[in-house]
Amino acid sequence: MFNHLSCNNLSTENHIPLLCVDKHPGQAHIVATGGVDGMLTIWDLRQEQFPMTLLEAHTGPMWEVKFHPHNPNHLFTCSDDGSLWHWDGSAYSSDPLPGFLTSKGKDPSAKSGGITSPWLSLETSRHKLDIASLLPNKSLPVNSLDIESSTLLCGTDSETIYSINLPILT
């Protein structure tokens, strides 16, 4: 939950309009945003200086960004350029996140000395995320997406709703 008692103005120097925002489901200080420039920005709200990681993304405005609600090392974006992408950050995270249970029903963060998030440890000059396109062909803009369990729904300017079965996410 966000702390409503304090309000910080965190912005980039370029002041690019933001079109979408999503909060990490397990770590409320991590926020993803998408802008009119197509960039994906990951914010660490605990940081006052340089609170963001900028990732080159879509060639058109990013209309929606969503963390997977149960596997937040996976992020999904859609854009005016007709693309729908799956960003897989699981290769960069060795520690499970707090509040998420393992297959044995234990919260692994109870033993972990520190919780890491792939979204905060990315250095775009050194690492490349695994990014997969979920639609076969770029066409008209993909305006919105939502995720429920292992199903992703998205809607396009062609008045089409796609239902995509996601693979098992780790």
C-alpha atoms as a PDB file:
ATOM      1  CA  MET A   1       0.000   0.000   0.000  1.00  0.00           C
ATOM      2  CA  PHE A   2       1.274   3.471  -0.773  1.00  0.00           C
ATOM      3  CA  ASN A   3       2.140   5.844   2.063  1.00  0.00           C
ATOM      4  CA  HIS A   4      -0.312   8.720   1.655  1.00  0.00           C
ATOM      5  CA  LEU A   5       1.409  10.841   4.310  1.00  0.00           C
ATOM      6  CA  SER A   6       4.406  11.693   2.177  1.00  0.00           C
ATOM      7  CA  CYS A   7       4.506  12.797  -1.411  1.00  0.00           C
ATOM      8  CA  ASN A   8       7.723  13.032  -3.386  1.00  0.00           C
ATOM      9  CA  ASN A   9       8.019  14.546  -6.832  1.00  0.00           C
ATOM     10  CA  LEU A  10      10.084  11.989  -8.732  1.00  0.00           C
ATOM     11  CA  SER A  11      10.524  12.906 -12.354  1.00  0.00           C
ATOM     12  CA  THR A  12      12.939  12.587 -15.207  1.00  0.00           C
ATOM     13  CA  GLU A  13      14.770  15.596 -16.595  1.00  0.00           C
ATOM     14  CA  ASN A  14      12.980  15.300 -19.938  1.00  0.00           C
ATOM     15  CA  HIS A  15       9.435  15.327 -18.503  1.00  0.00           C
ATOM     16  CA  ILE A  16       8.011  12.732 -20.890  1.00  0.00           C
ATOM     17  CA  PRO A  17       4.256  12.199 -20.343  1.00  0.00           C
ATOM     18  CA  LEU A  18       3.469   8.912 -18.593  1.00  0.00           C
ATOM     19  CA  LEU A  19       0.538   6.893 -19.932  1.00  0.00           C
ATOM     20  CA  CYS A  20       0.472   3.874 -17.606  1.00  0.00           C
ATOM     21  CA  VAL A  21       1.656   2.766 -14.180  1.00  0.00           C
ATOM     22  CA  ASP A  22       1.651  -0.470 -12.168  1.00  0.00           C
ATOM     23  CA  LYS A  23       2.849  -1.268  -8.658  1.00  0.00           C
ATOM     24  CA  HIS A  24       4.884  -4.410  -7.985  1.00  0.00           C
ATOM     25  CA  PRO A  25       2.544  -6.821  -6.150  1.00  0.00           C
ATOM     26  CA  GLY A  26       5.117  -7.847  -3.530  1.00  0.00           C
ATOM     27  CA  GLN A  27       7.318  -4.776  -3.166  1.00  0.00           C
ATOM     28  CA  ALA A  28       5.300  -1.551  -3.069  1.00  0.00           C
ATOM     29  CA  HIS A  29       8.384   0.645  -3.571  1.00  0.00           C
ATOM     30  CA  ILE A  30       8.846  -0.738  -7.110  1.00  0.00           C
ATOM     31  CA  VAL A  31       6.689   0.913  -9.770  1.00  0.00           C
ATOM     32  CA  ALA A  32       6.759   0.430 -13.538  1.00  0.00           C
ATOM     33  CA  THR A  33       5.631   3.161 -15.923  1.00  0.00           C
ATOM     34  CA  GLY A  34       5.266   3.491 -19.663  1.00  0.00           C
ATOM     35  CA  GLY A  35       5.483   6.731 -21.556  1.00  0.00           C
ATOM     36  CA  VAL A  36       4.468   8.429 -24.735  1.00  0.00           C
ATOM     37  CA  ASP A  37       8.030   7.767 -25.946  1.00  0.00           C
ATOM     38  CA  GLY A  38       7.567   3.970 -25.610  1.00  0.00           C
ATOM     39  CA  MET A  39      10.132   3.700 -22.794  1.00  0.00           C
ATOM     40  CA  LEU A  40       9.640   1.330 -19.866  1.00  0.00           C
ATOM     41  CA  THR A  41      10.756   2.975 -16.629  1.00  0.00           C
ATOM     42  CA  ILE A  42      11.234   1.101 -13.358  1.00  0.00           C
ATOM     43  CA  TRP A  43      11.087   3.335 -10.286  1.00  0.00           C
ATOM     44  CA  ASP A  44      12.454   2.680  -6.800  1.00  0.00           C
ATOM     45  CA  LEU A  45      10.341   5.031  -4.690  1.00  0.00           C
ATOM     46  CA  ARG A  46      12.809   4.765  -1.782  1.00  0.00           C
ATOM     47  CA  GLN A  47      15.451   6.622  -3.794  1.00  0.00           C
ATOM     48  CA  GLU A  48      15.413  10.395  -4.083  1.00  0.00           C
ATOM     49  CA  GLN A  49      18.234  10.739  -6.607  1.00  0.00           C
ATOM     50  CA  PHE A  50      18.086   8.801  -9.866  1.00  0.00           C
ATOM     51  CA  PRO A  51      15.125   6.687  -8.804  1.00  0.00           C
ATOM     52  CA  MET A  52      14.643   4.956 -12.109  1.00  0.00           C
ATOM     53  CA  THR A  53      15.936   2.456 -14.630  1.00  0.00           C
ATOM     54  CA  LEU A  54      15.115   3.346 -18.230  1.00  0.00           C
ATOM     55  CA  LEU A  55      14.639   0.521 -20.721  1.00  0.00           C
ATOM     56  CA  GLU A  56      14.241   1.121 -24.432  1.00  0.00           C
ATOM     57  CA  ALA A  57      11.012  -0.540 -25.382  1.00  0.00           C
ATOM     58  CA  HIS A  58       8.316   0.129 -27.949  1.00  0.00           C
ATOM     59  CA  THR A  59       8.524   2.379 -31.008  1.00  0.00           C
ATOM     60  CA  GLY A  60       5.184   3.987 -30.154  1.00  0.00           C
ATOM     61  CA  PRO A  61       3.453   5.129 -26.971  1.00  0.00           C
ATOM     62  CA  MET A  62       3.168   2.425 -24.293  1.00  0.00           C
ATOM     63  CA  TRP A  63      -0.494   2.129 -23.323  1.00  0.00           C
ATOM     64  CA  GLU A  64      -0.288  -0.446 -20.544  1.00  0.00           C
ATOM     65  CA  VAL A  65       2.271  -2.030 -18.219  1.00  0.00           C
ATOM     66  CA  LYS A  66       1.447  -4.873 -15.802  1.00  0.00           C
ATOM     67  CA  PHE A  67       3.452  -6.984 -13.403  1.00  0.00           C
ATOM     68  CA  HIS A  68       2.223 -10.565 -13.312  1.00  0.00           C
ATOM     69  CA  PRO A  69       0.213 -10.678 -10.062  1.00  0.00           C
ATOM     70  CA  HIS A  70       1.747 -13.968  -8.850  1.00  0.00           C
ATOM     71  CA  ASN A  71       5.106 -13.961 -10.676  1.00  0.00           C
ATOM     72  CA  PRO A  72       6.282 -10.338 -10.565  1.00  0.00           C
ATOM     73  CA  ASN A  73       9.620 -11.125 -12.204  1.00  0.00           C
ATOM     74  CA  HIS A  74       7.489 -11.106 -15.358  1.00  0.00           C
ATOM     75  CA  LEU A  75       6.162  -7.871 -16.802  1.00  0.00           C
ATOM     76  CA  PHE A  76       3.861  -7.271 -19.775  1.00  0.00           C
ATOM     77  CA  THR A  77       3.504  -4.184 -21.972  1.00  0.00           C
ATOM     78  CA  CYS A  78       1.418  -3.155 -24.961  1.00  0.00           C
ATOM     79  CA  SER A  79       1.832  -0.282 -27.344  1.00  0.00           C
ATOM     80  CA  ASP A  80       0.486   1.928 -30.066  1.00  0.00           C
ATOM     81  CA  ASP A  81       3.028   0.245 -32.368  1.00  0.00           C
ATOM     82  CA  GLY A  82       0.859  -2.924 -32.343  1.00  0.00           C
ATOM     83  CA  SER A  83       3.100  -4.980 -30.077  1.00  0.00           C
ATOM     84  CA  LEU A  84       2.403  -6.960 -26.915  1.00  0.00           C
ATOM     85  CA  TRP A  85       5.570  -7.956 -25.039  1.00  0.00           C
ATOM     86  CA  HIS A  86       6.505 -10.288 -22.204  1.00  0.00           C
ATOM     87  CA  TRP A  87       9.544  -9.054 -20.235  1.00  0.00           C
ATOM     88  CA  ASP A  88      11.152 -11.965 -18.365  1.00  0.00           C
ATOM     89  CA  GLY A  89      13.350 -10.801 -15.483  1.00  0.00           C
ATOM     90  CA  SER A  90      13.495 -14.184 -13.755  1.00  0.00           C
ATOM     91  CA  ALA A  91      17.075 -14.863 -14.876  1.00  0.00           C
ATOM     92  CA  TYR A  92      18.284 -11.873 -12.836  1.00  0.00           C
ATOM     93  CA  SER A  93      16.608 -12.731  -9.531  1.00  0.00           C
ATOM     94  CA  SER A  94      17.987 -15.391  -7.226  1.00  0.00           C
ATOM     95  CA  ASP A  95      15.849 -14.657  -4.168  1.00  0.00           C
ATOM     96  CA  PRO A  96      12.104 -15.240  -4.078  1.00  0.00           C
ATOM     97  CA  LEU A  97      10.037 -12.237  -3.091  1.00  0.00           C
ATOM     98  CA  PRO A  98       8.353 -11.818   0.294  1.00  0.00           C
ATOM     99  CA  GLY A  99       4.778 -12.930   0.610  1.00  0.00           C
ATOM    100  CA  PHE A 100       5.013 -15.412  -2.248  1.00  0.00           C
ATOM    101  CA  LEU A 101       4.872 -19.036  -1.181  1.00  0.00           C
ATOM    102  CA  THR A 102       7.011 -21.812  -2.569  1.00  0.00           C
ATOM    103  CA  SER A 103       5.537 -25.116  -3.688  1.00  0.00           C
ATOM    104  CA  LYS A 104       6.104 -26.376  -0.119  1.00  0.00           C
ATOM    105  CA  GLY A 105       3.963 -23.573   1.309  1.00  0.00           C
ATOM    106  CA  LYS A 106       6.788 -21.654   2.980  1.00  0.00           C
ATOM    107  CA  ASP A 107       7.630 -17.995   2.640  1.00  0.00           C
ATOM    108  CA  PRO A 108      11.263 -18.188   1.461  1.00  0.00           C
ATOM    109  CA  SER A 109      12.012 -14.602   2.469  1.00  0.00           C
ATOM    110  CA  ALA A 110      11.971 -15.633   6.116  1.00  0.00           C
ATOM    111  CA  LYS A 111      15.390 -17.260   5.566  1.00  0.00           C
ATOM    112  CA  SER A 112      16.733 -14.866   2.981  1.00  0.00           C
ATOM    113  CA  GLY A 113      19.194 -12.231   4.105  1.00  0.00           C
ATOM    114  CA  GLY A 114      17.995  -9.760   1.506  1.00  0.00           C
ATOM    115  CA  ILE A 115      15.369  -9.584  -1.162  1.00  0.00           C
ATOM    116  CA  THR A 116      16.469  -8.725  -4.651  1.00  0.00           C
ATOM    117  CA  SER A 117      14.367  -7.653  -7.570  1.00  0.00           C
ATOM    118  CA  PRO A 118      15.550  -8.008 -11.141  1.00  0.00           C
ATOM    119  CA  TRP A 119      13.856  -4.720 -11.963  1.00  0.00           C
ATOM    120  CA  LEU A 120      16.123  -2.745  -9.609  1.00  0.00           C
ATOM    121  CA  SER A 121      19.385  -4.495 -10.456  1.00  0.00           C
ATOM    122  CA  LEU A 122      19.216  -4.053 -14.208  1.00  0.00           C
ATOM    123  CA  GLU A 123      22.020  -2.191 -15.881  1.00  0.00           C
ATOM    124  CA  THR A 124      20.867  -1.722 -19.428  1.00  0.00           C
ATOM    125  CA  SER A 125      24.403  -1.438 -20.766  1.00  0.00           C
ATOM    126  CA  ARG A 126      25.391  -4.838 -19.327  1.00  0.00           C
ATOM    127  CA  HIS A 127      22.293  -7.016 -19.276  1.00  0.00           C
ATOM    128  CA  LYS A 128      19.682  -7.915 -21.790  1.00  0.00           C
ATOM    129  CA  LEU A 129      16.260  -9.025 -20.649  1.00  0.00           C
ATOM    130  CA  ASP A 130      14.473 -11.848 -22.388  1.00  0.00           C
ATOM    131  CA  ILE A 131      11.688 -10.037 -24.245  1.00  0.00           C
ATOM    132  CA  ALA A 132       9.152 -12.053 -26.228  1.00  0.00           C
ATOM    133  CA  SER A 133       6.448 -10.827 -28.570  1.00  0.00           C
ATOM    134  CA  LEU A 134       3.091 -12.410 -27.714  1.00  0.00           C
ATOM    135  CA  LEU A 135       1.224 -11.467 -30.890  1.00  0.00           C
ATOM    136  CA  PRO A 136       2.222 -13.022 -34.216  1.00  0.00           C
ATOM    137  CA  ASN A 137       2.001  -9.860 -36.309  1.00  0.00           C
ATOM    138  CA  LYS A 138       2.150  -6.188 -35.476  1.00  0.00           C
ATOM    139  CA  SER A 139      -0.983  -4.533 -36.693  1.00  0.00           C
ATOM    140  CA  LEU A 140      -3.162  -1.879 -35.170  1.00  0.00           C
ATOM    141  CA  PRO A 141      -2.416  -0.504 -31.687  1.00  0.00           C
ATOM    142  CA  VAL A 142      -2.793  -2.789 -28.669  1.00  0.00           C
ATOM    143  CA  ASN A 143      -4.612  -0.528 -26.215  1.00  0.00           C
ATOM    144  CA  SER A 144      -5.005  -2.494 -23.023  1.00  0.00           C
ATOM    145  CA  LEU A 145      -4.067  -5.717 -21.282  1.00  0.00           C
ATOM    146  CA  ASP A 146      -4.956  -7.608 -18.134  1.00  0.00           C
ATOM    147  CA  ILE A 147      -3.656 -10.767 -16.492  1.00  0.00           C
ATOM    148  CA  GLU A 148      -5.585 -13.343 -14.505  1.00  0.00           C
ATOM    149  CA  SER A 149      -3.688 -16.442 -13.402  1.00  0.00           C
ATOM    150  CA  SER A 150      -2.180 -17.901 -16.592  1.00  0.00           C
ATOM    151  CA  THR A 151      -4.329 -15.941 -19.050  1.00  0.00           C
ATOM    152  CA  LEU A 152      -3.484 -12.596 -20.607  1.00  0.00           C
ATOM    153  CA  LEU A 153      -6.247 -10.609 -22.291  1.00  0.00           C
ATOM    154  CA  CYS A 154      -5.596  -7.672 -24.601  1.00  0.00           C
ATOM    155  CA  GLY A 155      -7.685  -5.425 -26.800  1.00  0.00           C
ATOM    156  CA  THR A 156      -6.724  -3.740 -30.053  1.00  0.00           C
ATOM    157  CA  ASP A 157      -7.863  -0.952 -32.358  1.00  0.00           C
ATOM    158  CA  SER A 158      -9.174  -3.653 -34.709  1.00  0.00           C
ATOM    159  CA  GLU A 159     -11.940  -4.291 -32.136  1.00  0.00           C
ATOM    160  CA  THR A 160     -10.328  -7.649 -31.351  1.00  0.00           C
ATOM    161  CA  ILE A 161      -9.817  -9.197 -27.936  1.00  0.00           C
ATOM    162  CA  TYR A 162      -7.036 -11.759 -27.693  1.00  0.00           C
ATOM    163  CA  SER A 163      -6.912 -14.397 -24.954  1.00  0.00           C
ATOM    164  CA  ILE A 164      -3.379 -15.732 -24.591  1.00  0.00           C
ATOM    165  CA  ASN A 165      -2.470 -18.713 -22.423  1.00  0.00           C
ATOM    166  CA  LEU A 166       0.795 -17.852 -20.715  1.00  0.00           C
ATOM    167  CA  PRO A 167       3.452 -20.519 -20.257  1.00  0.00           C
ATOM    168  CA  ILE A 168       4.315 -21.636 -16.742  1.00  0.00           C
ATOM    169  CA  LEU A 169       6.244 -18.696 -15.302  1.00  0.00           C
ATOM    170  CA  THR A 170       9.126 -19.196 -12.891  1.00  0.00           C
END
